[in-house]
Amino acid sequence: MKFITKYIDFKTRALKTLLKLGLMIIIFFVLSLFTDHSSWIISLSILGVWFSTYFVYYFVSHEGAVVTEVEFLEQQMIITGYRFNTHWRKEFNIPASSIQIKSQGKGRGNVEYYFRVSSQNHSIKINYDFNWDYPSLLGMFHEFKRIKGEKIIFDEKYFLDIMEKKAQGLSTSDITFEKEVKK
């Protein structure tokens, strides 16, 4: 079974992050105009160094790698992706690997989910940049568990239920307040 998502090149991912960074700098700049000018220059300098450091760290650890394809062959899970714009491929022996559902807040009242697949040698985050759709993620998780022969535990069932509702078009706040899917 093979799952594929759209590849977004590094330049586009970098531009998206740069726009967020630029917006934060502009907001800080506008707010600093209402303060004393000597502290404004010092504050802007410190902010510039801090944002530059954050930008480099964020790109190296998050935006650099993206998973674009996951394939299941017998007892193997083959994950393909790009680090910056360089193609890579890693293979996981499913019986010796584990999969965990993780969540990350994406603004007020919004939570997105990703997988962390681990073995002794590798660890990969699938959907960490939120480029996969939930039906594909659900299919990956169930296929991994089926091949490994594991049952879905209570915690995983809870997250899978939320992911299924998100796949139907509900937002995190809709799920929290138990709204039904509009048909």
N, C-alpha and C. Protein backbone atom coordinates (compact mmCIF):
# COMPACT_ATOMS: atom_id res chain seq x y z
N MET A 1 0.85 -1.17 0.00
CA MET A 1 0.00 0.00 0.00
C MET A 1 0.90 1.23 0.00
N LYS A 2 0.53 2.22 -0.78
CA LYS A 2 1.36 3.42 -0.94
C LYS A 2 0.52 4.67 -0.70
N PHE A 3 1.10 5.61 0.06
CA PHE A 3 0.46 6.89 0.33
C PHE A 3 1.38 8.00 -0.16
N ILE A 4 0.82 8.94 -0.91
CA ILE A 4 1.62 10.03 -1.49
C ILE A 4 0.92 11.35 -1.21
N THR A 5 1.72 12.37 -0.92
CA THR A 5 1.19 13.72 -0.75
C THR A 5 1.94 14.67 -1.68
N LYS A 6 1.40 15.84 -1.82
CA LYS A 6 2.00 16.85 -2.69
C LYS A 6 3.33 17.35 -2.11
N TYR A 7 4.34 17.47 -2.96
CA TYR A 7 5.64 17.98 -2.54
C TYR A 7 5.65 19.50 -2.65
N ILE A 8 6.03 20.16 -1.57
CA ILE A 8 6.19 21.61 -1.56
C ILE A 8 7.67 21.89 -1.47
N ASP A 9 8.22 22.59 -2.45
CA ASP A 9 9.67 22.80 -2.47
C ASP A 9 10.13 23.68 -1.30
N PHE A 10 11.42 23.61 -1.03
CA PHE A 10 11.99 24.30 0.13
C PHE A 10 11.78 25.80 0.05
N LYS A 11 11.88 26.37 -1.14
CA LYS A 11 11.72 27.82 -1.28
C LYS A 11 10.34 28.28 -0.82
N THR A 12 9.31 27.53 -1.17
CA THR A 12 7.94 27.87 -0.77
C THR A 12 7.76 27.73 0.74
N ARG A 13 8.30 26.64 1.31
CA ARG A 13 8.21 26.46 2.77
C ARG A 13 8.97 27.55 3.50
N ALA A 14 10.13 27.93 2.97
CA ALA A 14 10.94 28.98 3.61
C ALA A 14 10.22 30.32 3.54
N LEU A 15 9.61 30.62 2.41
CA LEU A 15 8.89 31.89 2.25
C LEU A 15 7.73 31.99 3.24
N LYS A 16 7.02 30.88 3.44
CA LYS A 16 5.91 30.87 4.39
C LYS A 16 6.40 31.20 5.80
N THR A 17 7.51 30.62 6.19
CA THR A 17 8.07 30.89 7.51
C THR A 17 8.62 32.30 7.60
N LEU A 18 9.25 32.77 6.52
CA LEU A 18 9.78 34.14 6.52
C LEU A 18 8.68 35.18 6.65
N LEU A 19 7.53 34.91 6.04
CA LEU A 19 6.41 35.85 6.16
C LEU A 19 5.93 35.95 7.61
N LYS A 20 5.87 34.82 8.30
CA LYS A 20 5.49 34.85 9.72
C LYS A 20 6.53 35.62 10.53
N LEU A 21 7.79 35.35 10.25
CA LEU A 21 8.87 36.03 10.95
C LEU A 21 8.83 37.53 10.68
N GLY A 22 8.64 37.92 9.43
CA GLY A 22 8.57 39.33 9.06
C GLY A 22 7.40 40.03 9.73
N LEU A 23 6.27 39.36 9.81
CA LEU A 23 5.10 39.94 10.46
C LEU A 23 5.37 40.20 11.94
N MET A 24 6.04 39.25 12.60
CA MET A 24 6.37 39.45 14.02
C MET A 24 7.33 40.62 14.20
N ILE A 25 8.29 40.77 13.31
CA ILE A 25 9.25 41.88 13.41
C ILE A 25 8.53 43.21 13.19
N ILE A 26 7.63 43.27 12.22
CA ILE A 26 6.88 44.51 11.96
C ILE A 26 6.03 44.88 13.17
N ILE A 27 5.36 43.91 13.76
CA ILE A 27 4.55 44.19 14.95
C ILE A 27 5.43 44.72 16.08
N PHE A 28 6.57 44.08 16.30
CA PHE A 28 7.48 44.55 17.35
C PHE A 28 7.99 45.95 17.04
N PHE A 29 8.30 46.20 15.78
CA PHE A 29 8.80 47.51 15.37
C PHE A 29 7.75 48.60 15.64
N VAL A 30 6.51 48.33 15.27
CA VAL A 30 5.44 49.31 15.49
C VAL A 30 5.23 49.55 16.99
N LEU A 31 5.25 48.49 17.78
CA LEU A 31 5.10 48.65 19.22
C LEU A 31 6.27 49.41 19.84
N SER A 32 7.46 49.21 19.31
CA SER A 32 8.64 49.87 19.88
C SER A 32 8.68 51.36 19.52
N LEU A 33 7.92 51.80 18.54
CA LEU A 33 7.87 53.22 18.19
C LEU A 33 7.25 54.06 19.31
N PHE A 34 6.47 53.41 20.16
CA PHE A 34 5.82 54.12 21.24
C PHE A 34 6.66 54.17 22.52
N THR A 35 7.91 53.72 22.44
CA THR A 35 8.80 53.74 23.61
C THR A 35 9.95 54.70 23.37
N ASP A 36 10.82 54.82 24.36
CA ASP A 36 12.01 55.66 24.28
C ASP A 36 12.91 55.17 23.14
N HIS A 37 13.49 56.08 22.34
CA HIS A 37 14.27 55.70 21.15
C HIS A 37 15.54 54.93 21.48
N SER A 38 16.22 55.22 22.58
CA SER A 38 17.44 54.49 22.89
C SER A 38 17.13 53.03 23.23
N SER A 39 16.07 52.80 23.97
CA SER A 39 15.70 51.42 24.27
C SER A 39 15.13 50.73 23.03
N TRP A 40 14.57 51.49 22.12
CA TRP A 40 14.04 50.94 20.87
C TRP A 40 15.15 50.30 20.05
N ILE A 41 16.30 50.97 19.92
CA ILE A 41 17.41 50.44 19.13
C ILE A 41 17.98 49.19 19.78
N ILE A 42 18.13 49.21 21.09
CA ILE A 42 18.65 48.04 21.80
C ILE A 42 17.67 46.87 21.68
N SER A 43 16.40 47.15 21.87
CA SER A 43 15.38 46.10 21.78
C SER A 43 15.32 45.50 20.38
N LEU A 44 15.39 46.34 19.37
CA LEU A 44 15.35 45.86 17.99
C LEU A 44 16.58 45.02 17.68
N SER A 45 17.74 45.41 18.18
CA SER A 45 18.96 44.63 17.97
C SER A 45 18.86 43.26 18.62
N ILE A 46 18.40 43.23 19.86
CA ILE A 46 18.24 41.95 20.56
C ILE A 46 17.22 41.08 19.84
N LEU A 47 16.13 41.69 19.42
CA LEU A 47 15.10 40.94 18.70
C LEU A 47 15.64 40.38 17.39
N GLY A 48 16.43 41.18 16.68
CA GLY A 48 17.00 40.72 15.42
C GLY A 48 17.90 39.50 15.60
N VAL A 49 18.73 39.53 16.62
CA VAL A 49 19.61 38.38 16.91
C VAL A 49 18.77 37.17 17.31
N TRP A 50 17.77 37.40 18.16
CA TRP A 50 16.94 36.29 18.61
C TRP A 50 16.17 35.66 17.45
N PHE A 51 15.55 36.49 16.60
CA PHE A 51 14.80 35.96 15.47
C PHE A 51 15.71 35.25 14.47
N SER A 52 16.89 35.77 14.24
CA SER A 52 17.83 35.12 13.33
C SER A 52 18.22 33.74 13.84
N THR A 53 18.50 33.65 15.14
CA THR A 53 18.84 32.36 15.74
C THR A 53 17.66 31.40 15.65
N TYR A 54 16.48 31.89 15.97
CA TYR A 54 15.28 31.06 15.90
C TYR A 54 15.03 30.59 14.46
N PHE A 55 15.20 31.48 13.50
CA PHE A 55 14.98 31.16 12.10
C PHE A 55 15.89 30.02 11.65
N VAL A 56 17.18 30.11 11.98
CA VAL A 56 18.13 29.07 11.60
C VAL A 56 17.77 27.75 12.29
N TYR A 57 17.49 27.79 13.59
CA TYR A 57 17.12 26.58 14.32
C TYR A 57 15.85 25.96 13.73
N TYR A 58 14.83 26.76 13.50
CA TYR A 58 13.56 26.27 12.99
C TYR A 58 13.74 25.60 11.64
N PHE A 59 14.51 26.22 10.76
CA PHE A 59 14.70 25.65 9.44
C PHE A 59 15.48 24.35 9.48
N VAL A 60 16.50 24.30 10.28
CA VAL A 60 17.31 23.09 10.33
C VAL A 60 16.51 21.94 10.96
N SER A 61 15.73 22.23 11.99
CA SER A 61 15.04 21.15 12.69
C SER A 61 13.65 20.82 12.15
N HIS A 62 12.95 21.79 11.57
CA HIS A 62 11.56 21.54 11.17
C HIS A 62 11.34 21.61 9.66
N GLU A 63 11.62 22.74 9.08
CA GLU A 63 11.27 22.96 7.68
C GLU A 63 12.21 22.23 6.73
N GLY A 64 13.37 21.83 7.21
CA GLY A 64 14.34 21.19 6.33
C GLY A 64 13.84 19.88 5.76
N ALA A 65 13.23 19.04 6.58
CA ALA A 65 12.81 17.70 6.14
C ALA A 65 11.30 17.64 5.97
N VAL A 66 10.88 17.02 4.90
CA VAL A 66 9.46 16.83 4.64
C VAL A 66 9.25 15.43 4.06
N VAL A 67 8.24 14.72 4.57
CA VAL A 67 7.91 13.37 4.10
C VAL A 67 6.85 13.51 3.01
N THR A 68 7.11 12.89 1.85
CA THR A 68 6.17 12.99 0.73
C THR A 68 5.55 11.65 0.33
N GLU A 69 6.14 10.55 0.78
CA GLU A 69 5.63 9.24 0.37
C GLU A 69 5.89 8.20 1.45
N VAL A 70 4.88 7.37 1.70
CA VAL A 70 5.01 6.27 2.65
C VAL A 70 4.49 5.02 1.95
N GLU A 71 5.31 3.97 1.93
CA GLU A 71 4.92 2.73 1.26
C GLU A 71 5.12 1.55 2.20
N PHE A 72 4.15 0.64 2.19
CA PHE A 72 4.23 -0.57 2.99
C PHE A 72 4.47 -1.75 2.06
N LEU A 73 5.58 -2.46 2.27
CA LEU A 73 5.91 -3.66 1.51
C LEU A 73 6.22 -4.78 2.51
N GLU A 74 5.37 -5.78 2.56
CA GLU A 74 5.51 -6.89 3.49
C GLU A 74 5.76 -6.39 4.91
N GLN A 75 6.95 -6.59 5.45
CA GLN A 75 7.27 -6.17 6.82
C GLN A 75 8.04 -4.86 6.86
N GLN A 76 8.08 -4.14 5.75
CA GLN A 76 8.85 -2.90 5.66
C GLN A 76 7.94 -1.69 5.47
N MET A 77 8.36 -0.59 6.07
CA MET A 77 7.72 0.71 5.84
C MET A 77 8.80 1.59 5.23
N ILE A 78 8.59 2.01 3.99
CA ILE A 78 9.58 2.83 3.28
C ILE A 78 9.06 4.26 3.25
N ILE A 79 9.84 5.15 3.84
CA ILE A 79 9.47 6.56 3.93
C ILE A 79 10.41 7.35 3.04
N THR A 80 9.81 8.15 2.15
CA THR A 80 10.58 8.95 1.20
C THR A 80 10.24 10.41 1.42
N GLY A 81 11.24 11.25 1.26
CA GLY A 81 11.00 12.67 1.43
C GLY A 81 12.16 13.50 0.94
N TYR A 82 12.21 14.73 1.39
CA TYR A 82 13.25 15.68 0.99
C TYR A 82 13.79 16.39 2.22
N ARG A 83 15.09 16.53 2.27
CA ARG A 83 15.75 17.37 3.28
C ARG A 83 16.22 18.58 2.52
N PHE A 84 15.63 19.73 2.82
CA PHE A 84 15.74 20.93 2.00
C PHE A 84 15.24 20.54 0.61
N ASN A 85 16.05 20.42 -0.42
CA ASN A 85 15.55 19.94 -1.71
C ASN A 85 16.28 18.67 -2.15
N THR A 86 16.91 17.96 -1.22
CA THR A 86 17.64 16.73 -1.52
C THR A 86 16.77 15.53 -1.15
N HIS A 87 16.60 14.62 -2.11
CA HIS A 87 15.76 13.45 -1.94
C HIS A 87 16.42 12.46 -0.97
N TRP A 88 15.62 11.84 -0.08
CA TRP A 88 16.12 10.80 0.82
C TRP A 88 15.07 9.71 0.95
N ARG A 89 15.51 8.55 1.46
CA ARG A 89 14.64 7.39 1.62
C ARG A 89 15.12 6.58 2.82
N LYS A 90 14.20 6.21 3.70
CA LYS A 90 14.55 5.41 4.87
C LYS A 90 13.58 4.24 4.98
N GLU A 91 14.13 3.11 5.37
CA GLU A 91 13.32 1.91 5.53
C GLU A 91 13.24 1.53 7.00
N PHE A 92 12.04 1.15 7.41
CA PHE A 92 11.80 0.71 8.77
C PHE A 92 11.29 -0.72 8.75
N ASN A 93 11.87 -1.57 9.58
CA ASN A 93 11.36 -2.92 9.78
C ASN A 93 10.19 -2.79 10.77
N ILE A 94 8.99 -3.01 10.30
CA ILE A 94 7.80 -2.73 11.11
C ILE A 94 7.77 -3.50 12.44
N PRO A 95 8.09 -4.80 12.48
CA PRO A 95 8.06 -5.48 13.78
C PRO A 95 9.03 -4.88 14.81
N ALA A 96 10.10 -4.24 14.37
CA ALA A 96 11.08 -3.66 15.28
C ALA A 96 10.88 -2.15 15.46
N SER A 97 9.79 -1.62 14.95
CA SER A 97 9.54 -0.18 15.00
C SER A 97 8.28 0.12 15.81
N SER A 98 8.12 1.39 16.13
CA SER A 98 6.91 1.82 16.83
C SER A 98 6.37 3.08 16.15
N ILE A 99 5.08 3.32 16.34
CA ILE A 99 4.44 4.52 15.81
C ILE A 99 3.66 5.17 16.95
N GLN A 100 3.79 6.49 17.04
CA GLN A 100 3.09 7.24 18.08
C GLN A 100 2.34 8.39 17.43
N ILE A 101 1.16 8.67 17.94
CA ILE A 101 0.40 9.84 17.49
C ILE A 101 0.77 10.99 18.41
N LYS A 102 1.20 12.09 17.80
CA LYS A 102 1.58 13.29 18.55
C LYS A 102 0.67 14.43 18.11
N SER A 103 0.56 15.45 18.95
CA SER A 103 -0.24 16.61 18.59
C SER A 103 0.56 17.88 18.79
N GLN A 104 0.18 18.90 18.03
CA GLN A 104 0.83 20.20 18.14
C GLN A 104 -0.23 21.28 17.97
N GLY A 105 -0.23 22.23 18.89
CA GLY A 105 -1.15 23.35 18.79
C GLY A 105 -0.78 24.25 17.63
N LYS A 106 -1.76 24.66 16.86
CA LYS A 106 -1.53 25.53 15.70
C LYS A 106 -2.43 26.75 15.82
N GLY A 107 -2.24 27.52 16.86
CA GLY A 107 -3.07 28.70 17.05
C GLY A 107 -4.16 28.42 18.06
N ARG A 108 -4.94 29.43 18.31
CA ARG A 108 -5.98 29.33 19.34
C ARG A 108 -7.07 28.34 18.93
N GLY A 109 -7.25 27.33 19.74
CA GLY A 109 -8.33 26.37 19.52
C GLY A 109 -8.11 25.42 18.36
N ASN A 110 -6.88 25.24 17.91
CA ASN A 110 -6.62 24.34 16.79
C ASN A 110 -5.46 23.42 17.13
N VAL A 111 -5.67 22.14 16.98
CA VAL A 111 -4.64 21.15 17.22
C VAL A 111 -4.52 20.29 15.97
N GLU A 112 -3.31 20.04 15.53
CA GLU A 112 -3.05 19.17 14.39
C GLU A 112 -2.25 17.97 14.88
N TYR A 113 -2.32 16.87 14.12
CA TYR A 113 -1.71 15.62 14.55
C TYR A 113 -0.66 15.16 13.54
N TYR A 114 0.37 14.51 14.07
CA TYR A 114 1.41 13.92 13.25
C TYR A 114 1.85 12.62 13.89
N PHE A 115 2.62 11.82 13.14
CA PHE A 115 3.13 10.55 13.63
C PHE A 115 4.62 10.63 13.85
N ARG A 116 5.08 9.91 14.84
CA ARG A 116 6.52 9.73 15.05
C ARG A 116 6.78 8.24 14.93
N VAL A 117 7.50 7.87 13.87
CA VAL A 117 7.86 6.47 13.64
C VAL A 117 9.30 6.30 14.10
N SER A 118 9.53 5.31 14.97
CA SER A 118 10.86 5.13 15.55
C SER A 118 11.31 3.69 15.45
N SER A 119 12.60 3.53 15.27
CA SER A 119 13.27 2.24 15.39
C SER A 119 14.58 2.50 16.11
N GLN A 120 15.43 1.49 16.21
CA GLN A 120 16.72 1.70 16.87
C GLN A 120 17.59 2.70 16.13
N ASN A 121 17.50 2.71 14.80
CA ASN A 121 18.41 3.53 13.99
C ASN A 121 17.82 4.86 13.52
N HIS A 122 16.51 4.92 13.38
CA HIS A 122 15.88 6.10 12.77
C HIS A 122 14.71 6.59 13.61
N SER A 123 14.37 7.84 13.37
CA SER A 123 13.16 8.43 13.91
C SER A 123 12.67 9.47 12.91
N ILE A 124 11.45 9.33 12.46
CA ILE A 124 10.89 10.21 11.43
C ILE A 124 9.54 10.74 11.91
N LYS A 125 9.29 12.01 11.62
CA LYS A 125 7.98 12.60 11.90
C LYS A 125 7.22 12.74 10.59
N ILE A 126 6.06 12.13 10.54
CA ILE A 126 5.20 12.20 9.35
C ILE A 126 4.10 13.20 9.63
N ASN A 127 3.92 14.15 8.75
CA ASN A 127 2.93 15.23 8.83
C ASN A 127 3.34 16.31 9.83
N TYR A 128 4.62 16.41 10.13
CA TYR A 128 5.08 17.44 11.07
C TYR A 128 4.89 18.84 10.49
N ASP A 129 4.93 18.93 9.16
CA ASP A 129 4.67 20.22 8.51
C ASP A 129 3.23 20.30 8.01
N PHE A 130 2.41 19.34 8.40
CA PHE A 130 0.97 19.33 8.14
C PHE A 130 0.63 19.40 6.65
N ASN A 131 1.32 18.56 5.86
CA ASN A 131 1.07 18.50 4.43
C ASN A 131 0.27 17.25 4.02
N TRP A 132 -0.12 16.42 4.98
CA TRP A 132 -0.89 15.21 4.69
C TRP A 132 -2.36 15.44 5.05
N ASP A 133 -3.25 14.73 4.35
CA ASP A 133 -4.66 14.78 4.73
C ASP A 133 -4.93 13.66 5.74
N TYR A 134 -5.98 13.83 6.52
CA TYR A 134 -6.26 12.88 7.60
C TYR A 134 -6.67 11.49 7.12
N PRO A 135 -7.42 11.34 6.02
CA PRO A 135 -7.71 9.98 5.56
C PRO A 135 -6.44 9.18 5.25
N SER A 136 -5.43 9.82 4.66
CA SER A 136 -4.17 9.14 4.39
C SER A 136 -3.46 8.77 5.69
N LEU A 137 -3.44 9.69 6.64
CA LEU A 137 -2.79 9.41 7.93
C LEU A 137 -3.47 8.24 8.65
N LEU A 138 -4.80 8.23 8.63
CA LEU A 138 -5.53 7.13 9.26
C LEU A 138 -5.21 5.80 8.59
N GLY A 139 -5.15 5.81 7.26
CA GLY A 139 -4.80 4.60 6.53
C GLY A 139 -3.40 4.11 6.87
N MET A 140 -2.44 5.03 6.98
CA MET A 140 -1.06 4.67 7.35
C MET A 140 -1.02 4.02 8.73
N PHE A 141 -1.70 4.64 9.67
CA PHE A 141 -1.66 4.14 11.05
C PHE A 141 -2.26 2.73 11.13
N HIS A 142 -3.42 2.54 10.52
CA HIS A 142 -4.08 1.23 10.56
C HIS A 142 -3.25 0.18 9.84
N GLU A 143 -2.63 0.54 8.72
CA GLU A 143 -1.79 -0.41 7.99
C GLU A 143 -0.58 -0.81 8.82
N PHE A 144 0.05 0.15 9.48
CA PHE A 144 1.21 -0.14 10.34
C PHE A 144 0.80 -1.11 11.45
N LYS A 145 -0.30 -0.82 12.12
CA LYS A 145 -0.76 -1.68 13.22
C LYS A 145 -1.16 -3.07 12.72
N ARG A 146 -1.77 -3.13 11.53
CA ARG A 146 -2.18 -4.42 10.97
C ARG A 146 -0.97 -5.28 10.68
N ILE A 147 0.05 -4.70 10.03
CA ILE A 147 1.25 -5.47 9.70
C ILE A 147 1.99 -5.89 10.97
N LYS A 148 2.08 -5.01 11.93
CA LYS A 148 2.78 -5.33 13.17
C LYS A 148 1.99 -6.31 14.04
N GLY A 149 0.69 -6.38 13.84
CA GLY A 149 -0.15 -7.29 14.62
C GLY A 149 -0.50 -6.75 15.99
N GLU A 150 -0.47 -5.44 16.15
CA GLU A 150 -0.79 -4.80 17.43
C GLU A 150 -2.23 -4.33 17.44
N LYS A 151 -2.79 -4.32 18.62
CA LYS A 151 -4.12 -3.75 18.79
C LYS A 151 -3.97 -2.26 19.09
N ILE A 152 -5.02 -1.52 18.78
CA ILE A 152 -5.03 -0.08 19.05
C ILE A 152 -5.41 0.12 20.51
N ILE A 153 -4.55 0.83 21.24
CA ILE A 153 -4.80 1.06 22.66
C ILE A 153 -5.74 2.26 22.84
N PHE A 154 -6.19 2.46 24.07
CA PHE A 154 -7.19 3.49 24.37
C PHE A 154 -6.73 4.89 23.95
N ASP A 155 -5.50 5.27 24.29
CA ASP A 155 -5.00 6.60 23.95
C ASP A 155 -4.99 6.82 22.44
N GLU A 156 -4.54 5.79 21.71
CA GLU A 156 -4.51 5.89 20.25
C GLU A 156 -5.93 5.99 19.70
N LYS A 157 -6.85 5.23 20.25
CA LYS A 157 -8.25 5.27 19.81
C LYS A 157 -8.84 6.67 19.96
N TYR A 158 -8.50 7.33 21.07
CA TYR A 158 -8.98 8.69 21.31
C TYR A 158 -8.50 9.64 20.21
N PHE A 159 -7.19 9.59 19.91
CA PHE A 159 -6.64 10.47 18.87
C PHE A 159 -7.17 10.09 17.49
N LEU A 160 -7.32 8.80 17.22
CA LEU A 160 -7.85 8.37 15.92
C LEU A 160 -9.28 8.85 15.72
N ASP A 161 -10.09 8.83 16.78
CA ASP A 161 -11.47 9.35 16.68
C ASP A 161 -11.47 10.83 16.30
N ILE A 162 -10.59 11.60 16.93
CA ILE A 162 -10.50 13.03 16.60
C ILE A 162 -10.03 13.20 15.16
N MET A 163 -9.04 12.41 14.74
CA MET A 163 -8.54 12.52 13.37
C MET A 163 -9.62 12.15 12.36
N GLU A 164 -10.45 11.15 12.68
CA GLU A 164 -11.55 10.78 11.79
C GLU A 164 -12.55 11.93 11.65
N LYS A 165 -12.83 12.60 12.74
CA LYS A 165 -13.74 13.75 12.68
C LYS A 165 -13.13 14.90 11.89
N LYS A 166 -11.82 15.10 12.04
CA LYS A 166 -11.14 16.13 11.25
C LYS A 166 -11.16 15.76 9.76
N ALA A 167 -11.06 14.48 9.46
CA ALA A 167 -11.13 14.02 8.07
C ALA A 167 -12.51 14.30 7.48
N GLN A 168 -13.53 14.35 8.31
CA GLN A 168 -14.88 14.65 7.85
C GLN A 168 -15.14 16.15 7.73
N GLY A 169 -14.15 16.97 8.10
CA GLY A 169 -14.29 18.40 7.92
C GLY A 169 -14.56 19.20 9.18
N LEU A 170 -14.57 18.56 10.33
CA LEU A 170 -14.81 19.29 11.57
C LEU A 170 -13.51 19.94 12.06
N SER A 171 -13.64 21.09 12.68
CA SER A 171 -12.48 21.75 13.28
C SER A 171 -12.30 21.24 14.71
N THR A 172 -11.17 21.59 15.31
CA THR A 172 -10.91 21.17 16.69
C THR A 172 -11.97 21.70 17.64
N SER A 173 -12.39 22.96 17.45
CA SER A 173 -13.42 23.52 18.33
C SER A 173 -14.77 22.84 18.10
N ASP A 174 -15.09 22.46 16.86
CA ASP A 174 -16.32 21.72 16.60
C ASP A 174 -16.31 20.38 17.33
N ILE A 175 -15.16 19.72 17.31
CA ILE A 175 -15.03 18.42 17.98
C ILE A 175 -15.17 18.60 19.49
N THR A 176 -14.53 19.64 20.01
CA THR A 176 -14.58 19.91 21.45
C THR A 176 -16.01 20.14 21.92
N PHE A 177 -16.79 20.89 21.14
CA PHE A 177 -18.17 21.19 21.52
C PHE A 177 -19.17 20.21 20.92
N GLU A 178 -18.66 19.08 20.41
CA GLU A 178 -19.45 17.95 19.92
C GLU A 178 -20.47 18.32 18.87
N LYS A 179 -20.05 19.13 17.90
CA LYS A 179 -20.93 19.44 16.78
C LYS A 179 -20.91 18.27 15.81
N GLU A 180 -21.97 18.12 15.07
CA GLU A 180 -22.09 17.04 14.10
C GLU A 180 -21.64 17.52 12.73
N VAL A 181 -21.27 16.58 11.87
CA VAL A 181 -20.87 16.90 10.51
C VAL A 181 -22.09 17.33 9.72
N LYS A 182 -21.97 18.45 9.01
CA LYS A 182 -23.07 18.93 8.16
C LYS A 182 -23.01 18.21 6.84
N LYS A 183 -24.15 17.64 6.44
CA LYS A 183 -24.17 16.90 5.18
C LYS A 183 -25.01 17.59 4.16
